[in-house]
Amino acid sequence: MNIWVDADACPVVIKEILFKAAERTKIQTTLVANHHIKIPPSRVIHFMQVSSGFDIADDEIVKRVEKGDLVITSDIPLADEVITKFAVALSPRGELFTKENIKSRLNIRDFMDTMRASGMQSGGPPPLSQSDRQTFANHLDTILMRYQKSKR
């Protein structure tokens, strides 16, 4: 298992949780972004900078992700592609994307895009709450424990 992070919009607090988990479990974790992101010195935490452009980081993650990997993203189309490759997708808010819920999430996203294109102001998502952080950490721990049990 590798952990891939769509790091351009990933909140700092979520990155910090991921850094601790990567060090604790020794799972290779790669942050992918089109601008420099500071990472701690580590044998298991890496940074991959890609060129600027629409979906360049997403495309790089899709190209490299393998079955059983974990991808951290709030990008619904990226999560859909990851699930198609039999990897796991988790949002920074702790929402686990699955083959059962991803199509409805894509439909909602597309509907909201249409509404914004027609001039409706949605205001964007609320700030990351303590509950969101806890939900993310809990899902991450569950996924990592399941992976470590499967290695035995």
C-alpha atoms as a PDB file:
ATOM      1  CA  MET A   1       0.000   0.000   0.000  1.00  0.00           C
ATOM      2  CA  ASN A   2       1.037   3.544  -0.780  1.00  0.00           C
ATOM      3  CA  ILE A   3      -0.728   6.696   0.329  1.00  0.00           C
ATOM      4  CA  TRP A   4      -1.166   9.379  -2.331  1.00  0.00           C
ATOM      5  CA  VAL A   5      -2.217  12.876  -1.280  1.00  0.00           C
ATOM      6  CA  ASP A   6      -3.856  15.347  -3.645  1.00  0.00           C
ATOM      7  CA  ALA A   7      -1.955  18.007  -1.756  1.00  0.00           C
ATOM      8  CA  ASP A   8      -2.814  21.250  -3.560  1.00  0.00           C
ATOM      9  CA  ALA A   9      -5.902  21.815  -1.416  1.00  0.00           C
ATOM     10  CA  CYS A  10      -5.273  19.419   1.470  1.00  0.00           C
ATOM     11  CA  PRO A  11      -5.490  21.248   4.806  1.00  0.00           C
ATOM     12  CA  VAL A  12      -2.268  21.492   6.834  1.00  0.00           C
ATOM     13  CA  VAL A  13      -3.832  19.757   9.841  1.00  0.00           C
ATOM     14  CA  ILE A  14      -4.721  16.754   7.665  1.00  0.00           C
ATOM     15  CA  LYS A  15      -1.177  16.620   6.269  1.00  0.00           C
ATOM     16  CA  GLU A  16       0.145  16.589   9.838  1.00  0.00           C
ATOM     17  CA  ILE A  17      -2.113  13.642  10.707  1.00  0.00           C
ATOM     18  CA  LEU A  18      -0.865  11.856   7.582  1.00  0.00           C
ATOM     19  CA  PHE A  19       2.792  12.555   8.430  1.00  0.00           C
ATOM     20  CA  LYS A  20       2.373  11.013  11.880  1.00  0.00           C
ATOM     21  CA  ALA A  21       0.533   7.998  10.482  1.00  0.00           C
ATOM     22  CA  ALA A  22       3.157   7.459   7.769  1.00  0.00           C
ATOM     23  CA  GLU A  23       5.980   7.505  10.301  1.00  0.00           C
ATOM     24  CA  ARG A  24       4.097   5.238  12.705  1.00  0.00           C
ATOM     25  CA  THR A  25       3.184   2.644  10.065  1.00  0.00           C
ATOM     26  CA  LYS A  26       6.189   3.116   7.721  1.00  0.00           C
ATOM     27  CA  ILE A  27       3.803   3.334   4.744  1.00  0.00           C
ATOM     28  CA  GLN A  28       5.150   5.251   1.743  1.00  0.00           C
ATOM     29  CA  THR A  29       3.241   8.541   1.535  1.00  0.00           C
ATOM     30  CA  THR A  30       3.559  10.880  -1.436  1.00  0.00           C
ATOM     31  CA  LEU A  31       2.128  14.375  -1.615  1.00  0.00           C
ATOM     32  CA  VAL A  32       1.458  15.496  -5.184  1.00  0.00           C
ATOM     33  CA  ALA A  33       1.014  19.209  -5.934  1.00  0.00           C
ATOM     34  CA  ASN A  34       1.799  21.858  -8.505  1.00  0.00           C
ATOM     35  CA  HIS A  35       3.498  24.101  -5.950  1.00  0.00           C
ATOM     36  CA  HIS A  36       6.158  23.338  -3.355  1.00  0.00           C
ATOM     37  CA  ILE A  37       4.900  21.776  -0.139  1.00  0.00           C
ATOM     38  CA  LYS A  38       7.065  21.447   2.919  1.00  0.00           C
ATOM     39  CA  ILE A  39       7.379  17.934   4.276  1.00  0.00           C
ATOM     40  CA  PRO A  40       9.305  16.643   7.272  1.00  0.00           C
ATOM     41  CA  PRO A  41      12.566  14.767   6.728  1.00  0.00           C
ATOM     42  CA  SER A  42      11.538  11.144   6.373  1.00  0.00           C
ATOM     43  CA  ARG A  43      12.274   7.890   4.597  1.00  0.00           C
ATOM     44  CA  VAL A  44       8.571   7.289   3.965  1.00  0.00           C
ATOM     45  CA  ILE A  45       7.194  10.772   3.193  1.00  0.00           C
ATOM     46  CA  HIS A  46       7.847  12.173  -0.274  1.00  0.00           C
ATOM     47  CA  PHE A  47       6.829  15.156  -2.341  1.00  0.00           C
ATOM     48  CA  MET A  48       6.211  15.151  -6.079  1.00  0.00           C
ATOM     49  CA  GLN A  49       5.841  18.518  -7.777  1.00  0.00           C
ATOM     50  CA  VAL A  50       3.990  18.520 -11.094  1.00  0.00           C
ATOM     51  CA  SER A  51       3.581  21.325 -13.594  1.00  0.00           C
ATOM     52  CA  SER A  52       0.758  23.805 -13.163  1.00  0.00           C
ATOM     53  CA  GLY A  53      -2.436  23.132 -14.997  1.00  0.00           C
ATOM     54  CA  PHE A  54      -5.925  21.794 -14.607  1.00  0.00           C
ATOM     55  CA  ASP A  55      -5.948  18.268 -13.140  1.00  0.00           C
ATOM     56  CA  ILE A  56      -2.199  17.672 -13.672  1.00  0.00           C
ATOM     57  CA  ALA A  57      -1.733  16.451 -10.080  1.00  0.00           C
ATOM     58  CA  ASP A  58      -4.886  14.318 -10.346  1.00  0.00           C
ATOM     59  CA  ASP A  59      -3.670  12.759 -13.592  1.00  0.00           C
ATOM     60  CA  GLU A  60      -0.298  11.930 -12.006  1.00  0.00           C
ATOM     61  CA  ILE A  61      -1.986  10.235  -9.064  1.00  0.00           C
ATOM     62  CA  VAL A  62      -4.260   8.207 -11.360  1.00  0.00           C
ATOM     63  CA  LYS A  63      -1.256   7.161 -13.427  1.00  0.00           C
ATOM     64  CA  ARG A  64       0.636   5.894 -10.367  1.00  0.00           C
ATOM     65  CA  VAL A  65      -2.083   4.564  -8.047  1.00  0.00           C
ATOM     66  CA  GLU A  66      -2.402   0.812  -7.746  1.00  0.00           C
ATOM     67  CA  LYS A  67      -4.971  -1.576  -6.371  1.00  0.00           C
ATOM     68  CA  GLY A  68      -5.121  -1.272  -2.575  1.00  0.00           C
ATOM     69  CA  ASP A  69      -3.475   2.158  -2.392  1.00  0.00           C
ATOM     70  CA  LEU A  70      -5.085   4.984  -0.426  1.00  0.00           C
ATOM     71  CA  VAL A  71      -5.720   8.385  -2.005  1.00  0.00           C
ATOM     72  CA  ILE A  72      -6.554  11.448   0.067  1.00  0.00           C
ATOM     73  CA  THR A  73      -8.608  13.884  -2.008  1.00  0.00           C
ATOM     74  CA  SER A  74     -11.664  16.076  -1.936  1.00  0.00           C
ATOM     75  CA  ASP A  75     -11.833  15.914  -5.741  1.00  0.00           C
ATOM     76  CA  ILE A  76     -14.860  13.764  -6.616  1.00  0.00           C
ATOM     77  CA  PRO A  77     -13.815  12.893 -10.203  1.00  0.00           C
ATOM     78  CA  LEU A  78     -10.358  11.863  -8.931  1.00  0.00           C
ATOM     79  CA  ALA A  79     -11.978   9.716  -6.237  1.00  0.00           C
ATOM     80  CA  ASP A  80     -14.098   8.055  -8.926  1.00  0.00           C
ATOM     81  CA  GLU A  81     -11.024   7.205 -11.018  1.00  0.00           C
ATOM     82  CA  VAL A  82      -9.203   5.887  -7.951  1.00  0.00           C
ATOM     83  CA  ILE A  83     -12.114   3.625  -7.018  1.00  0.00           C
ATOM     84  CA  THR A  84     -12.217   2.331 -10.599  1.00  0.00           C
ATOM     85  CA  LYS A  85      -8.590   1.216 -10.114  1.00  0.00           C
ATOM     86  CA  PHE A  86      -9.600  -0.647  -6.917  1.00  0.00           C
ATOM     87  CA  ALA A  87      -7.863   1.811  -4.614  1.00  0.00           C
ATOM     88  CA  VAL A  88      -9.410   3.544  -1.587  1.00  0.00           C
ATOM     89  CA  ALA A  89     -10.406   7.232  -1.626  1.00  0.00           C
ATOM     90  CA  LEU A  90     -10.809   9.284   1.554  1.00  0.00           C
ATOM     91  CA  SER A  91     -11.625  12.985   1.747  1.00  0.00           C
ATOM     92  CA  PRO A  92      -9.838  15.325   4.179  1.00  0.00           C
ATOM     93  CA  ARG A  93     -13.222  15.655   5.928  1.00  0.00           C
ATOM     94  CA  GLY A  94     -13.226  11.927   6.583  1.00  0.00           C
ATOM     95  CA  GLU A  95     -15.751  10.906   3.937  1.00  0.00           C
ATOM     96  CA  LEU A  96     -14.908   7.476   2.596  1.00  0.00           C
ATOM     97  CA  PHE A  97     -15.747   7.336  -1.097  1.00  0.00           C
ATOM     98  CA  THR A  98     -16.954   3.925  -2.253  1.00  0.00           C
ATOM     99  CA  LYS A  99     -18.295   2.364  -5.431  1.00  0.00           C
ATOM    100  CA  GLU A 100     -21.726   2.558  -3.739  1.00  0.00           C
ATOM    101  CA  ASN A 101     -21.670   6.313  -3.073  1.00  0.00           C
ATOM    102  CA  ILE A 102     -19.343   7.839  -5.683  1.00  0.00           C
ATOM    103  CA  LYS A 103     -21.872   8.108  -8.533  1.00  0.00           C
ATOM    104  CA  SER A 104     -24.351  10.033  -6.389  1.00  0.00           C
ATOM    105  CA  ARG A 105     -21.508  12.300  -5.205  1.00  0.00           C
ATOM    106  CA  LEU A 106     -20.578  12.929  -8.867  1.00  0.00           C
ATOM    107  CA  ASN A 107     -24.205  13.786  -9.650  1.00  0.00           C
ATOM    108  CA  ILE A 108     -24.371  16.271  -6.762  1.00  0.00           C
ATOM    109  CA  ARG A 109     -21.060  17.809  -7.836  1.00  0.00           C
ATOM    110  CA  ASP A 110     -22.250  18.170 -11.429  1.00  0.00           C
ATOM    111  CA  PHE A 111     -25.538  19.706 -10.249  1.00  0.00           C
ATOM    112  CA  MET A 112     -23.677  22.234  -8.097  1.00  0.00           C
ATOM    113  CA  ASP A 113     -21.373  23.082 -11.035  1.00  0.00           C
ATOM    114  CA  THR A 114     -24.457  23.747 -13.158  1.00  0.00           C
ATOM    115  CA  MET A 115     -25.954  25.948 -10.436  1.00  0.00           C
ATOM    116  CA  ARG A 116     -22.722  27.946 -10.077  1.00  0.00           C
ATOM    117  CA  ALA A 117     -22.492  28.333 -13.871  1.00  0.00           C
ATOM    118  CA  SER A 118     -25.986  29.831 -13.824  1.00  0.00           C
ATOM    119  CA  GLY A 119     -24.859  32.467 -11.319  1.00  0.00           C
ATOM    120  CA  MET A 120     -25.837  30.925  -7.984  1.00  0.00           C
ATOM    121  CA  GLN A 121     -23.336  31.667  -5.212  1.00  0.00           C
ATOM    122  CA  SER A 122     -22.781  28.595  -3.022  1.00  0.00           C
ATOM    123  CA  GLY A 123     -20.122  30.067  -0.752  1.00  0.00           C
ATOM    124  CA  GLY A 124     -17.995  26.919  -0.839  1.00  0.00           C
ATOM    125  CA  PRO A 125     -17.566  24.323   1.869  1.00  0.00           C
ATOM    126  CA  PRO A 126     -17.478  25.256   5.539  1.00  0.00           C
ATOM    127  CA  PRO A 127     -14.118  25.358   7.336  1.00  0.00           C
ATOM    128  CA  LEU A 128     -12.711  22.020   8.485  1.00  0.00           C
ATOM    129  CA  SER A 129     -14.160  21.313  11.931  1.00  0.00           C
ATOM    130  CA  GLN A 130     -12.716  19.359  14.838  1.00  0.00           C
ATOM    131  CA  SER A 131     -15.318  16.698  14.103  1.00  0.00           C
ATOM    132  CA  ASP A 132     -14.105  16.496  10.473  1.00  0.00           C
ATOM    133  CA  ARG A 133     -10.520  16.041  11.678  1.00  0.00           C
ATOM    134  CA  GLN A 134     -11.546  13.302  14.081  1.00  0.00           C
ATOM    135  CA  THR A 135     -13.620  11.526  11.429  1.00  0.00           C
ATOM    136  CA  PHE A 136     -10.653  11.659   9.040  1.00  0.00           C
ATOM    137  CA  ALA A 137      -8.226  10.331  11.657  1.00  0.00           C
ATOM    138  CA  ASN A 138     -10.621   7.509  12.608  1.00  0.00           C
ATOM    139  CA  HIS A 139     -11.150   6.407   8.996  1.00  0.00           C
ATOM    140  CA  LEU A 140      -7.413   6.628   8.317  1.00  0.00           C
ATOM    141  CA  ASP A 141      -6.607   4.482  11.358  1.00  0.00           C
ATOM    142  CA  THR A 142      -9.216   1.892  10.334  1.00  0.00           C
ATOM    143  CA  ILE A 143      -7.812   1.678   6.792  1.00  0.00           C
ATOM    144  CA  LEU A 144      -4.217   1.430   8.009  1.00  0.00           C
ATOM    145  CA  MET A 145      -5.040  -1.208  10.651  1.00  0.00           C
ATOM    146  CA  ARG A 146      -6.894  -3.281   8.040  1.00  0.00           C
ATOM    147  CA  TYR A 147      -3.852  -3.042   5.746  1.00  0.00           C
ATOM    148  CA  GLN A 148      -1.400  -4.024   8.475  1.00  0.00           C
ATOM    149  CA  LYS A 149      -3.549  -7.031   9.451  1.00  0.00           C
ATOM    150  CA  SER A 150      -3.609  -8.173   5.821  1.00  0.00           C
ATOM    151  CA  LYS A 151       0.207  -8.117   5.709  1.00  0.00           C
ATOM    152  CA  ARG A 152       0.479 -10.683   8.504  1.00  0.00           C
END
